[in-house]
PDB file of N, CA and C in Angstrom:
ATOM      1  N   MET A   1      -4.389   8.385  23.023  1.00  0.00           N
ATOM      2  CA  MET A   1      -3.126   8.024  22.411  1.00  0.00           C
ATOM      3  C   MET A   1      -1.981   8.687  23.142  1.00  0.00           C
ATOM      4  N   LYS A   2      -0.894   7.972  23.273  1.00  0.00           N
ATOM      5  CA  LYS A   2       0.296   8.555  23.869  1.00  0.00           C
ATOM      6  C   LYS A   2       0.948   9.488  22.848  1.00  0.00           C
ATOM      7  N   ARG A   3       1.538  10.528  23.336  1.00  0.00           N
ATOM      8  CA  ARG A   3       2.172  11.510  22.463  1.00  0.00           C
ATOM      9  C   ARG A   3       3.612  11.105  22.154  1.00  0.00           C
ATOM     10  N   ASP A   4       4.050  11.478  20.947  1.00  0.00           N
ATOM     11  CA  ASP A   4       5.436  11.331  20.495  1.00  0.00           C
ATOM     12  C   ASP A   4       5.931   9.891  20.405  1.00  0.00           C
ATOM     13  N   ILE A   5       5.034   8.908  20.277  1.00  0.00           N
ATOM     14  CA  ILE A   5       5.502   7.535  20.067  1.00  0.00           C
ATOM     15  C   ILE A   5       5.034   6.964  18.726  1.00  0.00           C
ATOM     16  N   HIS A   6       4.112   7.636  18.064  1.00  0.00           N
ATOM     17  CA  HIS A   6       3.561   7.140  16.811  1.00  0.00           C
ATOM     18  C   HIS A   6       4.298   7.763  15.627  1.00  0.00           C
ATOM     19  N   PRO A   7       4.509   6.990  14.548  1.00  0.00           N
ATOM     20  CA  PRO A   7       5.171   7.566  13.368  1.00  0.00           C
ATOM     21  C   PRO A   7       4.264   8.581  12.677  1.00  0.00           C
ATOM     22  N   GLU A   8       4.878   9.467  11.947  1.00  0.00           N
ATOM     23  CA  GLU A   8       4.130  10.499  11.235  1.00  0.00           C
ATOM     24  C   GLU A   8       3.397   9.883  10.053  1.00  0.00           C
ATOM     25  N   TYR A   9       2.146  10.219   9.877  1.00  0.00           N
ATOM     26  CA  TYR A   9       1.274   9.685   8.843  1.00  0.00           C
ATOM     27  C   TYR A   9       1.171  10.725   7.743  1.00  0.00           C
ATOM     28  N   VAL A  10       1.793  10.461   6.586  1.00  0.00           N
ATOM     29  CA  VAL A  10       1.870  11.466   5.517  1.00  0.00           C
ATOM     30  C   VAL A  10       1.266  10.933   4.226  1.00  0.00           C
ATOM     31  N   GLU A  11       0.972  11.847   3.299  1.00  0.00           N
ATOM     32  CA  GLU A  11       0.508  11.445   1.971  1.00  0.00           C
ATOM     33  C   GLU A  11       1.657  10.795   1.221  1.00  0.00           C
ATOM     34  N   THR A  12       1.358   9.674   0.568  1.00  0.00           N
ATOM     35  CA  THR A  12       2.379   8.885  -0.113  1.00  0.00           C
ATOM     36  C   THR A  12       1.905   8.562  -1.523  1.00  0.00           C
ATOM     37  N   THR A  13       2.791   8.651  -2.482  1.00  0.00           N
ATOM     38  CA  THR A  13       2.488   8.311  -3.863  1.00  0.00           C
ATOM     39  C   THR A  13       2.983   6.896  -4.129  1.00  0.00           C
ATOM     40  N   VAL A  14       2.079   6.036  -4.600  1.00  0.00           N
ATOM     41  CA  VAL A  14       2.430   4.661  -4.953  1.00  0.00           C
ATOM     42  C   VAL A  14       2.556   4.597  -6.470  1.00  0.00           C
ATOM     43  N   SER A  15       3.736   4.158  -6.948  1.00  0.00           N
ATOM     44  CA  SER A  15       3.992   4.050  -8.379  1.00  0.00           C
ATOM     45  C   SER A  15       4.212   2.592  -8.736  1.00  0.00           C
ATOM     46  N   CYS A  16       3.489   2.129  -9.736  1.00  0.00           N
ATOM     47  CA  CYS A  16       3.595   0.740 -10.192  1.00  0.00           C
ATOM     48  C   CYS A  16       4.510   0.683 -11.412  1.00  0.00           C
ATOM     49  N   THR A  17       5.050  -0.506 -11.692  1.00  0.00           N
ATOM     50  CA  THR A  17       5.918  -0.663 -12.857  1.00  0.00           C
ATOM     51  C   THR A  17       5.139  -0.535 -14.165  1.00  0.00           C
ATOM     52  N   CYS A  18       3.808  -0.687 -14.123  1.00  0.00           N
ATOM     53  CA  CYS A  18       2.997  -0.537 -15.337  1.00  0.00           C
ATOM     54  C   CYS A  18       2.774   0.930 -15.699  1.00  0.00           C
ATOM     55  N   GLY A  19       3.142   1.841 -14.795  1.00  0.00           N
ATOM     56  CA  GLY A  19       2.978   3.267 -15.063  1.00  0.00           C
ATOM     57  C   GLY A  19       1.852   3.906 -14.274  1.00  0.00           C
ATOM     58  N   ASN A  20       1.024   3.097 -13.651  1.00  0.00           N
ATOM     59  CA  ASN A  20      -0.091   3.615 -12.856  1.00  0.00           C
ATOM     60  C   ASN A  20       0.443   4.171 -11.538  1.00  0.00           C
ATOM     61  N   SER A  21      -0.132   5.266 -11.071  1.00  0.00           N
ATOM     62  CA  SER A  21       0.247   5.816  -9.772  1.00  0.00           C
ATOM     63  C   SER A  21      -0.984   6.388  -9.086  1.00  0.00           C
ATOM     64  N   PHE A  22      -0.977   6.333  -7.774  1.00  0.00           N
ATOM     65  CA  PHE A  22      -2.082   6.875  -6.995  1.00  0.00           C
ATOM     66  C   PHE A  22      -1.550   7.348  -5.654  1.00  0.00           C
ATOM     67  N   THR A  23      -2.341   8.162  -4.976  1.00  0.00           N
ATOM     68  CA  THR A  23      -1.943   8.751  -3.707  1.00  0.00           C
ATOM     69  C   THR A  23      -2.734   8.105  -2.577  1.00  0.00           C
ATOM     70  N   THR A  24      -2.028   7.809  -1.505  1.00  0.00           N
ATOM     71  CA  THR A  24      -2.636   7.256  -0.303  1.00  0.00           C
ATOM     72  C   THR A  24      -1.908   7.836   0.894  1.00  0.00           C
ATOM     73  N   ARG A  25      -2.214   7.358   2.065  1.00  0.00           N
ATOM     74  CA  ARG A  25      -1.514   7.829   3.259  1.00  0.00           C
ATOM     75  C   ARG A  25      -0.762   6.662   3.876  1.00  0.00           C
ATOM     76  N   SER A  26       0.447   6.932   4.370  1.00  0.00           N
ATOM     77  CA  SER A  26       1.287   5.887   4.916  1.00  0.00           C
ATOM     78  C   SER A  26       2.292   6.483   5.892  1.00  0.00           C
ATOM     79  N   THR A  27       2.997   5.600   6.582  1.00  0.00           N
ATOM     80  CA  THR A  27       4.044   6.054   7.502  1.00  0.00           C
ATOM     81  C   THR A  27       5.418   6.014   6.857  1.00  0.00           C
ATOM     82  N   VAL A  28       5.490   5.771   5.548  1.00  0.00           N
ATOM     83  CA  VAL A  28       6.759   5.756   4.828  1.00  0.00           C
ATOM     84  C   VAL A  28       7.330   7.166   4.837  1.00  0.00           C
ATOM     85  N   THR A  29       8.564   7.290   5.282  1.00  0.00           N
ATOM     86  CA  THR A  29       9.137   8.630   5.443  1.00  0.00           C
ATOM     87  C   THR A  29       9.513   9.283   4.121  1.00  0.00           C
ATOM     88  N   SER A  30       9.796   8.495   3.074  1.00  0.00           N
ATOM     89  CA  SER A  30      10.219   9.083   1.799  1.00  0.00           C
ATOM     90  C   SER A  30       9.046   9.687   1.024  1.00  0.00           C
ATOM     91  N   GLY A  31       7.829   9.217   1.278  1.00  0.00           N
ATOM     92  CA  GLY A  31       6.668   9.751   0.581  1.00  0.00           C
ATOM     93  C   GLY A  31       6.375   9.054  -0.729  1.00  0.00           C
ATOM     94  N   THR A  32       7.184   8.051  -1.110  1.00  0.00           N
ATOM     95  CA  THR A  32       6.944   7.297  -2.335  1.00  0.00           C
ATOM     96  C   THR A  32       7.113   5.805  -2.068  1.00  0.00           C
ATOM     97  N   ILE A  33       6.272   5.009  -2.727  1.00  0.00           N
ATOM     98  CA  ILE A  33       6.367   3.554  -2.663  1.00  0.00           C
ATOM     99  C   ILE A  33       6.369   3.053  -4.092  1.00  0.00           C
ATOM    100  N   ARG A  34       7.303   2.156  -4.414  1.00  0.00           N
ATOM    101  CA  ARG A  34       7.350   1.551  -5.747  1.00  0.00           C
ATOM    102  C   ARG A  34       6.799   0.137  -5.636  1.00  0.00           C
ATOM    103  N   ALA A  35       5.751  -0.161  -6.399  1.00  0.00           N
ATOM    104  CA  ALA A  35       5.109  -1.473  -6.366  1.00  0.00           C
ATOM    105  C   ALA A  35       5.366  -2.213  -7.671  1.00  0.00           C
ATOM    106  N   ASP A  36       5.480  -3.525  -7.588  1.00  0.00           N
ATOM    107  CA  ASP A  36       5.673  -4.343  -8.784  1.00  0.00           C
ATOM    108  C   ASP A  36       4.364  -4.592  -9.519  1.00  0.00           C
ATOM    109  N   ILE A  37       3.272  -4.632  -8.772  1.00  0.00           N
ATOM    110  CA  ILE A  37       1.980  -4.947  -9.367  1.00  0.00           C
ATOM    111  C   ILE A  37       0.895  -4.166  -8.623  1.00  0.00           C
ATOM    112  N   CYS A  38      -0.123  -3.752  -9.338  1.00  0.00           N
ATOM    113  CA  CYS A  38      -1.219  -2.991  -8.727  1.00  0.00           C
ATOM    114  C   CYS A  38      -2.548  -3.483  -9.280  1.00  0.00           C
ATOM    115  N   SER A  39      -3.628  -2.870  -8.888  1.00  0.00           N
ATOM    116  CA  SER A  39      -4.951  -3.297  -9.346  1.00  0.00           C
ATOM    117  C   SER A  39      -5.166  -3.022 -10.831  1.00  0.00           C
ATOM    118  N   ALA A  40      -4.382  -2.138 -11.421  1.00  0.00           N
ATOM    119  CA  ALA A  40      -4.541  -1.837 -12.842  1.00  0.00           C
ATOM    120  C   ALA A  40      -3.886  -2.894 -13.728  1.00  0.00           C
ATOM    121  N   CYS A  41      -2.911  -3.642 -13.194  1.00  0.00           N
ATOM    122  CA  CYS A  41      -2.225  -4.632 -14.023  1.00  0.00           C
ATOM    123  C   CYS A  41      -2.267  -6.049 -13.445  1.00  0.00           C
ATOM    124  N   HIS A  42      -2.896  -6.241 -12.281  1.00  0.00           N
ATOM    125  CA  HIS A  42      -2.995  -7.581 -11.694  1.00  0.00           C
ATOM    126  C   HIS A  42      -4.013  -8.412 -12.474  1.00  0.00           C
ATOM    127  N   PRO A  43      -3.680  -9.662 -12.814  1.00  0.00           N
ATOM    128  CA  PRO A  43      -4.587 -10.486 -13.625  1.00  0.00           C
ATOM    129  C   PRO A  43      -5.976 -10.682 -13.002  1.00  0.00           C
ATOM    130  N   PHE A  44      -6.079 -10.730 -11.702  1.00  0.00           N
ATOM    131  CA  PHE A  44      -7.381 -10.918 -11.061  1.00  0.00           C
ATOM    132  C   PHE A  44      -8.301  -9.745 -11.345  1.00  0.00           C
ATOM    133  N   TYR A  45      -7.778  -8.527 -11.305  1.00  0.00           N
ATOM    134  CA  TYR A  45      -8.600  -7.338 -11.496  1.00  0.00           C
ATOM    135  C   TYR A  45      -8.815  -6.990 -12.963  1.00  0.00           C
ATOM    136  N   THR A  46      -7.915  -7.416 -13.839  1.00  0.00           N
ATOM    137  CA  THR A  46      -8.057  -7.091 -15.256  1.00  0.00           C
ATOM    138  C   THR A  46      -8.911  -8.102 -16.004  1.00  0.00           C
ATOM    139  N   GLY A  47      -9.244  -9.237 -15.376  1.00  0.00           N
ATOM    140  CA  GLY A  47     -10.061 -10.255 -16.012  1.00  0.00           C
ATOM    141  C   GLY A  47      -9.274 -11.215 -16.876  1.00  0.00           C
ATOM    142  N   LYS A  48      -7.961 -11.163 -16.813  1.00  0.00           N
ATOM    143  CA  LYS A  48      -7.118 -12.050 -17.615  1.00  0.00           C
ATOM    144  C   LYS A  48      -6.571 -13.206 -16.773  1.00  0.00           C
ATOM    145  N   GLN A  49      -7.260 -13.499 -15.689  1.00  0.00           N
ATOM    146  CA  GLN A  49      -6.812 -14.560 -14.790  1.00  0.00           C
ATOM    147  C   GLN A  49      -7.061 -15.918 -15.434  1.00  0.00           C
ATOM    148  N   LYS A  50      -6.083 -16.805 -15.314  1.00  0.00           N
ATOM    149  CA  LYS A  50      -6.213 -18.147 -15.845  1.00  0.00           C
ATOM    150  C   LYS A  50      -6.560 -19.086 -14.700  1.00  0.00           C
ATOM    151  N   ILE A  51      -7.582 -19.896 -14.900  1.00  0.00           N
ATOM    152  CA  ILE A  51      -7.978 -20.870 -13.893  1.00  0.00           C
ATOM    153  C   ILE A  51      -7.356 -22.201 -14.280  1.00  0.00           C
ATOM    154  N   LEU A  52      -6.570 -22.760 -13.382  1.00  0.00           N
ATOM    155  CA  LEU A  52      -5.914 -24.027 -13.653  1.00  0.00           C
ATOM    156  C   LEU A  52      -6.868 -25.172 -13.348  1.00  0.00           C
ATOM    157  N   ASP A  53      -6.950 -26.099 -14.257  1.00  0.00           N
ATOM    158  CA  ASP A  53      -7.812 -27.262 -14.080  1.00  0.00           C
ATOM    159  C   ASP A  53      -6.982 -28.391 -13.485  1.00  0.00           C
ATOM    160  N   THR A  54      -7.171 -28.641 -12.205  1.00  0.00           N
ATOM    161  CA  THR A  54      -6.445 -29.716 -11.534  1.00  0.00           C
ATOM    162  C   THR A  54      -7.325 -30.935 -11.349  1.00  0.00           C
ATOM    163  N   GLY A  55      -8.509 -30.923 -11.900  1.00  0.00           N
ATOM    164  CA  GLY A  55      -9.430 -32.049 -11.767  1.00  0.00           C
ATOM    165  C   GLY A  55      -8.863 -33.334 -12.332  1.00  0.00           C
ATOM    166  N   GLY A  56      -8.138 -33.244 -13.429  1.00  0.00           N
ATOM    167  CA  GLY A  56      -7.533 -34.426 -14.021  1.00  0.00           C
ATOM    168  C   GLY A  56      -6.495 -35.058 -13.117  1.00  0.00           C
ATOM    169  N   ARG A  57      -5.714 -34.241 -12.448  1.00  0.00           N
ATOM    170  CA  ARG A  57      -4.690 -34.752 -11.535  1.00  0.00           C
ATOM    171  C   ARG A  57      -5.318 -35.403 -10.316  1.00  0.00           C
ATOM    172  N   VAL A  58      -6.372 -34.799  -9.802  1.00  0.00           N
ATOM    173  CA  VAL A  58      -7.042 -35.362  -8.629  1.00  0.00           C
ATOM    174  C   VAL A  58      -7.655 -36.707  -8.979  1.00  0.00           C
ATOM    175  N   ALA A  59      -8.303 -36.776 -10.118  1.00  0.00           N
ATOM    176  CA  ALA A  59      -8.918 -38.035 -10.551  1.00  0.00           C
ATOM    177  C   ALA A  59      -7.854 -39.108 -10.754  1.00  0.00           C
ATOM    178  N   ARG A  60      -6.722 -38.709 -11.302  1.00  0.00           N
ATOM    179  CA  ARG A  60      -5.629 -39.664 -11.510  1.00  0.00           C
ATOM    180  C   ARG A  60      -5.083 -40.171 -10.182  1.00  0.00           C
ATOM    181  N   PHE A  61      -4.935 -39.282  -9.200  1.00  0.00           N
ATOM    182  CA  PHE A  61      -4.464 -39.677  -7.877  1.00  0.00           C
ATOM    183  C   PHE A  61      -5.460 -40.633  -7.212  1.00  0.00           C
ATOM    184  N   GLU A  62      -6.738 -40.280  -7.283  1.00  0.00           N
ATOM    185  CA  GLU A  62      -7.757 -41.142  -6.681  1.00  0.00           C
ATOM    186  C   GLU A  62      -7.813 -42.503  -7.367  1.00  0.00           C
ATOM    187  N   ALA A  63      -7.595 -42.523  -8.655  1.00  0.00           N
ATOM    188  CA  ALA A  63      -7.589 -43.800  -9.368  1.00  0.00           C
ATOM    189  C   ALA A  63      -6.425 -44.669  -8.912  1.00  0.00           C
ATOM    190  N   ARG A  64      -5.283 -44.061  -8.650  1.00  0.00           N
ATOM    191  CA  ARG A  64      -4.112 -44.819  -8.226  1.00  0.00           C
ATOM    192  C   ARG A  64      -4.168 -45.208  -6.751  1.00  0.00           C
ATOM    193  N   PHE A  65      -4.423 -44.240  -5.891  1.00  0.00           N
ATOM    194  CA  PHE A  65      -4.262 -44.445  -4.457  1.00  0.00           C
ATOM    195  C   PHE A  65      -5.548 -44.366  -3.651  1.00  0.00           C
ATOM    196  N   GLY A  66      -6.614 -43.871  -4.228  1.00  0.00           N
ATOM    197  CA  GLY A  66      -7.846 -43.670  -3.484  1.00  0.00           C
ATOM    198  C   GLY A  66      -8.416 -44.945  -2.903  1.00  0.00           C
ATOM    199  N   LYS A  67      -8.499 -45.977  -3.690  1.00  0.00           N
ATOM    200  CA  LYS A  67      -9.069 -47.244  -3.238  1.00  0.00           C
ATOM    201  C   LYS A  67      -8.143 -47.936  -2.251  1.00  0.00           C
ATOM    202  N   GLN A  68      -6.838 -47.841  -2.454  1.00  0.00           N
ATOM    203  CA  GLN A  68      -5.871 -48.475  -1.566  1.00  0.00           C
ATOM    204  C   GLN A  68      -5.849 -47.795  -0.203  1.00  0.00           C
ATOM    205  N   ALA A  69      -5.914 -46.472  -0.175  1.00  0.00           N
ATOM    206  CA  ALA A  69      -5.880 -45.728   1.084  1.00  0.00           C
ATOM    207  C   ALA A  69      -7.141 -45.996   1.897  1.00  0.00           C
ATOM    208  N   ALA A  70      -8.284 -46.137   1.240  1.00  0.00           N
ATOM    209  CA  ALA A  70      -9.532 -46.413   1.953  1.00  0.00           C
ATOM    210  C   ALA A  70      -9.533 -47.829   2.513  1.00  0.00           C
ATOM    211  N   ALA A  71      -8.937 -48.763   1.820  1.00  0.00           N
ATOM    212  CA  ALA A  71      -8.898 -50.153   2.281  1.00  0.00           C
ATOM    213  C   ALA A  71      -7.976 -50.316   3.485  1.00  0.00           C
ATOM    214  N   LYS A  72      -6.915 -49.532   3.582  1.00  0.00           N
ATOM    215  CA  LYS A  72      -5.957 -49.626   4.693  1.00  0.00           C
ATOM    216  C   LYS A  72      -6.551 -49.103   5.985  1.00  0.00           C
ATOM    217  N   LYS A  73      -7.484 -48.190   5.903  1.00  0.00           N
ATOM    218  CA  LYS A  73      -8.076 -47.600   7.110  1.00  0.00           C
ATOM    219  C   LYS A  73      -9.027 -48.561   7.687  1.00  0.00           C
TER     220      LYS A  73
END
């Protein structure tokens, strides 16, 4: 590695708006990072994720245009 060209790598505290905080290492000079969302409050990690059912829309599109698009090709 070349000397004196890399940023300093320091311990950094990440604080989320939900109140959760943890320590990691980063090149942020202030030593703190404010995050809007973290693994403690993200829907994917908390199990509160909603799965959108788009099957009805796809079927409706295929009913309208699927047969016409295949016939044109």
